[in-house]
N, C-alpha and C. Protein backbone atom coordinates (compact mmCIF):
# COMPACT_ATOMS: atom_id res chain seq x y z
N UNK A 1 -22.50 10.08 14.10
CA UNK A 1 -22.25 9.07 13.36
C UNK A 1 -22.17 7.67 13.30
N UNK A 2 -22.90 6.81 13.40
CA UNK A 2 -22.94 5.47 13.91
C UNK A 2 -21.75 4.50 12.88
N UNK A 3 -21.06 3.54 13.53
CA UNK A 3 -20.58 2.64 12.67
C UNK A 3 -21.07 1.26 12.57
N UNK A 4 -21.15 0.91 11.58
CA UNK A 4 -22.30 -0.16 11.21
C UNK A 4 -20.83 -1.04 10.93
N UNK A 5 -21.63 -2.20 11.15
CA UNK A 5 -20.17 -3.99 11.21
C UNK A 5 -19.49 -3.97 10.22
N UNK A 6 -18.81 -3.78 10.42
CA UNK A 6 -17.81 -4.12 9.48
C UNK A 6 -17.30 -3.04 8.35
N UNK A 7 -18.42 -2.07 8.06
CA UNK A 7 -17.96 -1.46 7.32
C UNK A 7 -17.31 0.55 8.15
N UNK A 8 -15.99 0.79 7.20
CA UNK A 8 -15.77 2.37 7.66
C UNK A 8 -16.69 3.08 7.65
N UNK A 9 -16.29 4.04 8.30
CA UNK A 9 -17.22 5.57 8.24
C UNK A 9 -17.08 6.30 6.93
N UNK A 10 -17.87 6.56 6.14
CA UNK A 10 -17.13 7.64 5.18
C UNK A 10 -16.74 8.99 5.47
N UNK A 11 -15.37 8.93 5.23
CA UNK A 11 -15.52 10.66 5.84
C UNK A 11 -13.98 10.92 5.13
N UNK A 12 -13.45 12.31 5.28
CA UNK A 12 -12.40 12.44 4.57
C UNK A 12 -11.25 11.64 4.01
N UNK A 13 -10.93 10.49 5.32
CA UNK A 13 -9.89 9.27 5.07
C UNK A 13 -10.10 8.46 3.72
N UNK A 14 -11.33 8.04 3.43
CA UNK A 14 -11.32 7.32 2.17
C UNK A 14 -11.21 8.36 0.95
N UNK A 15 -11.05 9.40 0.71
CA UNK A 15 -10.25 10.34 0.08
C UNK A 15 -8.85 9.65 0.05
N UNK A 16 -8.31 10.27 0.90
CA UNK A 16 -6.83 9.83 1.43
C UNK A 16 -6.43 8.40 0.74
N UNK A 17 -7.06 7.21 1.12
CA UNK A 17 -6.63 6.04 0.46
C UNK A 17 -7.16 5.96 -1.00
N UNK A 18 -7.68 6.56 -1.15
CA UNK A 18 -7.68 6.21 -3.02
C UNK A 18 -6.73 7.13 -3.49
N UNK A 19 -6.27 8.47 -3.62
CA UNK A 19 -5.11 8.79 -3.98
C UNK A 19 -4.02 8.15 -3.79
N UNK A 20 -3.85 7.39 -2.58
CA UNK A 20 -2.54 6.68 -2.24
C UNK A 20 -2.40 5.43 -3.02
N UNK A 21 -3.88 4.94 -3.53
CA UNK A 21 -3.85 3.78 -4.48
C UNK A 21 -3.62 4.18 -5.63
N UNK A 22 -3.89 5.72 -5.83
CA UNK A 22 -3.85 6.17 -7.54
C UNK A 22 -2.68 6.38 -7.61
N UNK A 23 -1.91 6.88 -6.29
CA UNK A 23 -0.33 6.93 -6.78
C UNK A 23 0.70 5.68 -6.94
N UNK A 24 0.27 4.32 -6.13
CA UNK A 24 0.71 3.62 -6.69
C UNK A 24 0.67 3.10 -7.75
N UNK A 25 -0.66 3.09 -8.54
CA UNK A 25 -0.60 2.72 -9.70
C UNK A 25 -0.30 3.51 -10.29
N UNK A 26 -0.30 4.58 -10.62
CA UNK A 26 1.12 5.52 -11.90
C UNK A 26 2.33 5.57 -11.25
N UNK A 27 2.91 5.34 -10.22
CA UNK A 27 3.95 4.73 -9.92
C UNK A 27 4.62 3.42 -10.79
N UNK A 28 3.26 2.68 -10.34
CA UNK A 28 4.17 1.60 -10.98
C UNK A 28 3.58 1.45 -12.90
N UNK A 29 2.85 2.24 -12.96
CA UNK A 29 2.93 1.97 -14.56
C UNK A 29 3.92 2.56 -15.03
N UNK A 30 4.46 3.95 -14.74
CA UNK A 30 6.11 4.43 -14.67
C UNK A 30 7.44 3.64 -14.19
N UNK A 31 7.22 2.81 -13.68
CA UNK A 31 8.31 2.01 -12.89
C UNK A 31 8.49 1.01 -14.05
N UNK A 32 7.48 0.31 -14.54
CA UNK A 32 7.57 -1.14 -15.46
C UNK A 32 8.38 -0.78 -16.44
N UNK A 33 8.21 0.08 -17.29
CA UNK A 33 8.93 0.47 -18.75
C UNK A 33 10.06 0.82 -18.59
N UNK A 34 10.09 1.64 -17.32
CA UNK A 34 11.97 2.17 -17.20
C UNK A 34 12.53 1.16 -16.63
N UNK A 35 12.11 0.37 -15.88
CA UNK A 35 13.30 -1.08 -15.59
C UNK A 35 13.44 -1.38 -16.78
N UNK A 36 12.44 -1.96 -17.47
CA UNK A 36 12.79 -2.91 -18.71
C UNK A 36 13.46 -2.21 -19.91
N UNK A 37 13.44 -0.63 -19.63
CA UNK A 37 14.28 0.04 -20.70
C UNK A 37 15.69 0.29 -19.89
N UNK A 38 15.23 0.66 -19.07
CA UNK A 38 16.97 0.90 -18.60
C UNK A 38 17.86 -0.09 -18.01
N UNK A 39 17.39 -1.35 -17.51
CA UNK A 39 18.03 -2.29 -17.31
C UNK A 39 17.88 -3.82 -18.17
N UNK A 40 16.82 -4.70 -17.62
CA UNK A 40 16.61 -5.92 -18.49
C UNK A 40 14.73 -5.99 -18.16
N UNK A 41 14.11 -7.27 -18.74
CA UNK A 41 13.07 -8.02 -18.49
C UNK A 41 13.03 -8.29 -17.75
N UNK A 42 13.85 -9.06 -17.30
CA UNK A 42 13.56 -9.36 -15.52
C UNK A 42 13.50 -8.76 -14.49
N UNK A 43 14.49 -7.17 -14.65
CA UNK A 43 14.32 -6.37 -13.63
C UNK A 43 12.89 -5.88 -13.83
N UNK A 44 12.22 -5.66 -14.95
CA UNK A 44 10.48 -5.26 -14.94
C UNK A 44 9.53 -6.13 -14.16
N UNK A 45 10.03 -7.25 -14.62
CA UNK A 45 9.22 -8.42 -13.82
C UNK A 45 9.13 -8.58 -12.57
N UNK A 46 10.26 -8.28 -12.04
CA UNK A 46 11.15 -8.29 -10.53
C UNK A 46 10.06 -6.89 -9.59
N UNK A 47 10.11 -5.90 -10.54
CA UNK A 47 9.35 -4.95 -10.53
C UNK A 47 7.84 -4.60 -10.26
N UNK A 48 7.46 -5.43 -11.15
CA UNK A 48 6.10 -5.82 -11.25
C UNK A 48 5.76 -6.71 -10.14
N UNK A 49 6.59 -7.47 -9.84
CA UNK A 49 5.91 -8.64 -8.97
C UNK A 49 5.93 -7.57 -7.41
N UNK A 50 7.36 -6.90 -7.11
CA UNK A 50 6.90 -6.45 -6.12
C UNK A 50 5.88 -5.37 -5.64
N UNK A 51 5.68 -4.74 -7.24
CA UNK A 51 4.54 -3.92 -6.93
C UNK A 51 3.00 -4.31 -6.97
N UNK A 52 3.09 -5.40 -7.93
CA UNK A 52 1.69 -6.28 -7.32
C UNK A 52 1.26 -6.89 -5.82
N UNK A 53 2.94 -7.02 -5.09
CA UNK A 53 2.64 -7.49 -3.57
C UNK A 53 2.71 -6.48 -2.91
N UNK A 54 2.84 -4.97 -3.10
CA UNK A 54 2.63 -3.90 -2.61
C UNK A 54 1.36 -3.52 -3.09
N UNK A 55 0.54 -3.52 -4.04
CA UNK A 55 -0.56 -3.06 -3.81
C UNK A 55 -1.52 -4.23 -3.23
N UNK A 56 -1.48 -5.56 -3.35
CA UNK A 56 -1.83 -6.51 -2.55
C UNK A 56 -1.82 -6.06 -0.83
N UNK A 57 -1.19 -5.65 -0.49
CA UNK A 57 -0.64 -5.37 0.75
C UNK A 57 -1.29 -3.89 1.49
N UNK A 58 -1.53 -3.20 0.18
CA UNK A 58 -2.16 -1.80 0.65
C UNK A 58 -3.71 -2.17 0.41
N UNK A 59 -4.16 -3.31 -0.64
CA UNK A 59 -5.63 -3.55 -0.30
C UNK A 59 -6.37 -4.29 0.98
N UNK A 60 -5.14 -4.95 1.33
CA UNK A 60 -5.43 -5.64 2.36
C UNK A 60 -5.56 -5.16 3.68
N UNK A 61 -4.39 -4.38 3.71
CA UNK A 61 -4.47 -2.71 5.05
C UNK A 61 -5.66 -2.49 5.10
N UNK A 62 -6.67 -1.89 3.46
CA UNK A 62 -7.61 -1.06 3.92
C UNK A 62 -8.36 -2.16 4.07
N UNK A 63 -8.72 -3.58 4.25
CA UNK A 63 -9.81 -4.04 4.42
C UNK A 63 -9.91 -4.16 6.04
N UNK A 64 -8.79 -4.38 6.52
CA UNK A 64 -8.55 -5.16 7.67
C UNK A 64 -8.85 -3.83 8.45
N UNK A 65 -8.57 -2.66 8.31
CA UNK A 65 -8.36 -1.61 8.76
C UNK A 65 -9.83 -0.94 9.16
N UNK A 66 -10.57 -1.53 7.96
CA UNK A 66 -12.13 -0.88 8.12
C UNK A 66 -13.03 -1.90 8.80
N UNK A 67 -12.52 -3.19 8.92
CA UNK A 67 -13.34 -4.09 9.70
C UNK A 67 -12.85 -3.97 10.88
N UNK A 68 -11.65 -3.46 11.34
CA UNK A 68 -11.18 -3.43 12.91
C UNK A 68 -12.08 -2.30 13.65
N UNK A 69 -12.55 -1.62 12.56
CA UNK A 69 -13.53 -0.34 13.12
C UNK A 69 -14.76 -0.64 13.38
N UNK A 70 -14.63 -1.70 14.61
CA UNK A 70 -16.34 -2.32 15.05
C UNK A 70 -16.21 -2.00 16.60
N UNK A 71 -17.68 -2.56 17.43
CA UNK A 71 -17.40 -2.30 18.64
C UNK A 71 -16.96 -3.43 19.45
N UNK A 72 -16.88 -4.39 18.69
CA UNK A 72 -16.57 -5.72 19.54
C UNK A 72 -14.67 -5.86 19.39
N UNK A 73 -14.94 -5.67 20.38
CA UNK A 73 -13.24 -6.23 20.77
C UNK A 73 -12.53 -7.52 20.28
N UNK A 74 -13.38 -8.60 20.36
CA UNK A 74 -13.03 -10.08 19.83
C UNK A 74 -12.81 -9.91 18.65
N UNK A 75 -13.86 -8.97 17.53
CA UNK A 75 -13.16 -8.63 16.42
C UNK A 75 -12.24 -7.84 16.14
N UNK A 76 -11.73 -6.91 16.95
CA UNK A 76 -10.95 -5.73 16.77
C UNK A 76 -9.57 -6.77 16.61
N UNK A 77 -9.39 -7.88 17.68
CA UNK A 77 -7.84 -8.53 18.05
C UNK A 77 -7.76 -9.75 17.05
N UNK A 78 -9.08 -10.47 16.62
CA UNK A 78 -8.92 -10.65 15.26
C UNK A 78 -8.12 -10.31 13.98
N UNK A 79 -9.20 -9.42 13.76
CA UNK A 79 -8.48 -8.56 12.48
C UNK A 79 -7.16 -7.92 13.09
N UNK A 80 -6.66 -7.51 14.11
CA UNK A 80 -5.22 -7.34 14.24
C UNK A 80 -4.57 -8.34 13.99
N UNK A 81 -4.72 -9.40 14.26
CA UNK A 81 -3.87 -10.87 14.02
C UNK A 81 -3.41 -11.24 12.79
N UNK A 82 -5.10 -11.35 11.96
CA UNK A 82 -4.75 -11.10 10.34
C UNK A 82 -3.89 -10.22 9.65
N UNK A 83 -3.87 -8.50 10.40
CA UNK A 83 -3.17 -8.06 9.70
C UNK A 83 -1.20 -8.59 9.88
N UNK A 84 -1.32 -9.35 10.54
CA UNK A 84 0.06 -10.00 9.89
C UNK A 84 0.19 -10.48 9.34
N UNK A 85 -0.33 -11.04 8.80
CA UNK A 85 -0.73 -11.59 7.27
C UNK A 85 -0.17 -10.56 6.23
N UNK A 86 -0.29 -9.49 6.55
CA UNK A 86 0.56 -8.08 5.81
C UNK A 86 1.84 -8.75 5.45
N UNK A 87 2.25 -8.58 6.63
CA UNK A 87 3.73 -8.78 6.99
C UNK A 87 4.39 -10.31 6.20
N UNK A 88 3.33 -11.17 6.63
CA UNK A 88 3.90 -12.72 5.79
C UNK A 88 3.93 -12.69 4.23
N UNK A 89 2.61 -11.49 3.51
CA UNK A 89 2.36 -11.46 1.95
C UNK A 89 3.97 -10.83 1.76
N UNK A 90 4.50 -10.54 2.32
CA UNK A 90 5.82 -9.59 1.31
C UNK A 90 6.94 -10.09 2.12
N UNK A 91 7.09 -11.02 3.09
CA UNK A 91 7.96 -12.10 3.21
C UNK A 91 7.65 -13.23 2.42
N UNK A 92 7.08 -13.39 1.44
CA UNK A 92 6.66 -14.95 0.89
C UNK A 92 7.04 -14.19 -0.34
N UNK A 93 6.73 -13.23 -0.96
CA UNK A 93 7.12 -12.64 -1.80
C UNK A 93 8.70 -12.47 -2.11
N UNK A 94 9.17 -11.62 -0.89
CA UNK A 94 10.89 -11.65 -1.37
C UNK A 94 11.62 -12.72 -1.12
N UNK A 95 11.30 -13.53 -0.46
CA UNK A 95 11.73 -14.90 -0.40
C UNK A 95 11.27 -15.57 -1.93
N UNK A 96 10.54 -15.50 -2.22
CA UNK A 96 10.25 -16.30 -3.62
C UNK A 96 11.27 -15.69 -4.53
N UNK A 97 10.80 -14.58 -4.71
CA UNK A 97 11.60 -13.71 -5.87
C UNK A 97 13.23 -13.92 -5.83
N UNK A 98 13.35 -13.53 -4.71
CA UNK A 98 15.23 -13.79 -4.35
C UNK A 98 15.86 -15.25 -4.57
N UNK A 99 14.80 -15.94 -4.30
CA UNK A 99 15.71 -17.38 -4.54
C UNK A 99 15.69 -17.80 -6.27
N UNK A 100 14.26 -17.22 -6.87
CA UNK A 100 14.29 -17.13 -8.35
C UNK A 100 15.57 -16.11 -8.96
N UNK A 101 15.74 -14.96 -8.39
CA UNK A 101 16.26 -13.75 -9.12
C UNK A 101 16.78 -13.26 -8.54
N UNK A 102 17.99 -13.72 -7.70
CA UNK A 102 19.05 -12.96 -6.96
C UNK A 102 19.67 -11.76 -7.18
N UNK A 103 19.64 -11.40 -8.43
CA UNK A 103 20.21 -10.34 -9.13
C UNK A 103 19.37 -9.52 -8.88
N UNK A 104 17.87 -9.28 -9.03
CA UNK A 104 16.89 -8.31 -9.28
C UNK A 104 16.50 -7.55 -7.80
N UNK A 105 17.13 -7.72 -7.23
CA UNK A 105 16.60 -6.93 -5.49
C UNK A 105 16.47 -5.95 -5.42
N UNK A 106 17.41 -5.15 -6.35
CA UNK A 106 16.73 -3.00 -5.98
C UNK A 106 15.56 -3.19 -6.66
N UNK A 107 14.73 -3.54 -8.00
CA UNK A 107 14.08 -3.38 -9.10
C UNK A 107 12.57 -4.26 -7.94
N UNK A 108 12.90 -5.72 -7.43
CA UNK A 108 12.20 -6.09 -6.14
C UNK A 108 11.81 -5.14 -5.05
N UNK A 109 12.85 -4.68 -4.60
CA UNK A 109 12.35 -3.77 -3.22
C UNK A 109 11.45 -2.64 -3.47
N UNK A 110 12.23 -2.11 -4.35
CA UNK A 110 11.08 -0.64 -4.81
C UNK A 110 9.71 -0.90 -5.43
N UNK A 111 9.71 -2.08 -5.84
CA UNK A 111 8.27 -2.02 -6.04
C UNK A 111 7.64 -2.71 -4.97
N UNK A 112 8.08 -3.33 -4.11
CA UNK A 112 7.32 -3.68 -2.48
C UNK A 112 7.47 -2.52 -2.06
N UNK A 113 8.46 -1.61 -1.97
CA UNK A 113 7.99 0.04 -1.37
C UNK A 113 7.26 0.97 -2.35
N UNK A 114 6.17 0.56 -3.46
CA UNK A 114 5.18 1.43 -4.27
C UNK A 114 4.89 2.34 -2.68
N UNK A 115 3.76 1.49 -1.92
CA UNK A 115 3.08 1.98 -0.64
C UNK A 115 3.53 2.48 -0.25
N UNK A 116 4.71 2.39 0.29
CA UNK A 116 5.87 3.96 0.96
C UNK A 116 5.39 5.12 0.40
N UNK A 117 5.91 4.78 -0.84
CA UNK A 117 6.26 6.39 -1.93
C UNK A 117 4.75 6.71 -2.11
N UNK A 118 3.60 6.20 -2.09
CA UNK A 118 2.20 6.53 -2.47
C UNK A 118 1.79 7.19 -1.33
N UNK A 119 2.30 6.95 0.22
CA UNK A 119 1.79 7.59 1.23
C UNK A 119 2.33 8.59 1.60
N UNK A 120 3.84 8.42 0.93
CA UNK A 120 4.36 9.73 1.13
C UNK A 120 4.06 10.78 0.00
N UNK A 121 3.68 10.52 -1.45
CA UNK A 121 3.07 11.67 -1.78
C UNK A 121 2.06 12.49 -1.79
N UNK A 122 0.99 11.62 -0.92
CA UNK A 122 -0.60 11.65 -0.42
C UNK A 122 0.19 13.05 1.07
N UNK A 123 0.79 12.69 1.61
CA UNK A 123 1.66 13.45 2.88
C UNK A 123 2.36 14.93 2.14
N UNK A 124 2.81 14.64 0.96
CA UNK A 124 3.55 16.14 0.19
C UNK A 124 2.26 16.62 -0.10
N UNK A 125 1.60 16.19 -0.80
CA UNK A 125 0.35 16.87 -1.60
C UNK A 125 -0.43 17.76 -0.30
N UNK A 126 -0.76 17.09 1.19
CA UNK A 126 -1.64 17.64 2.08
C UNK A 126 -0.31 18.49 2.61
N UNK A 127 0.85 18.73 2.63
CA UNK A 127 2.09 19.77 3.26
C UNK A 127 1.55 20.73 2.58
N UNK A 128 1.40 20.92 1.05
CA UNK A 128 1.35 22.20 0.62
C UNK A 128 -0.14 22.69 0.26
N UNK A 129 -1.06 21.66 0.91
CA UNK A 129 -2.27 22.06 0.53
C UNK A 129 -2.92 23.20 1.37
N UNK A 130 -3.46 24.61 1.16
CA UNK A 130 -3.97 25.13 2.12
C UNK A 130 -5.66 24.81 2.72
N UNK A 131 -5.27 24.75 4.21
CA UNK A 131 -6.37 24.32 5.18
C UNK A 131 -7.59 25.34 5.01
N UNK A 132 -8.70 24.82 4.84
CA UNK A 132 -10.03 25.34 4.29
C UNK A 132 -10.81 25.87 5.68
N UNK A 133 -10.22 25.47 6.80
CA UNK A 133 -10.71 26.36 8.15
C UNK A 133 -9.04 26.36 8.68
N UNK A 134 -9.89 27.87 9.38
CA UNK A 134 -8.28 27.88 10.97
C UNK A 134 -8.07 26.67 11.61
N UNK A 135 -6.89 26.37 12.00
CA UNK A 135 -6.91 25.12 13.06
C UNK A 135 -7.55 25.94 14.27
N UNK A 136 -8.31 24.60 15.29
CA UNK A 136 -8.91 25.21 16.22
C UNK A 136 -8.10 25.72 17.39
N UNK A 137 -8.39 26.48 18.21
CA UNK A 137 -7.50 27.41 19.21
C UNK A 137 -7.45 26.63 20.42
């Protein structure tokens, strides 16, 4: 299977990425009304901003990782350095929101950590999934 320029190979990994994204969307959809009902509309706003930053982080991660799968070492380094932008994205969101709504740190942090929760849910799903084939000896 050859790797095309700038595209990830189609394998089982893309299905896992889609599942993580779906889990993040479900968690965000559940979290917004819960923060709004249980705390306040500003908590729901902070959670929503954190969730959007998390989804942007995850989308950027998928794109940059797919583009790093290239034979060109220069391009791999370029996309590796561009992946630092993911961290800058979260830092900017946290700084801006904490300046505007300092009392809403918890919902904002939980919104930002949605990508971690999505990955953990997919890992739990895989842990309880029966393997199709026996492991190699």
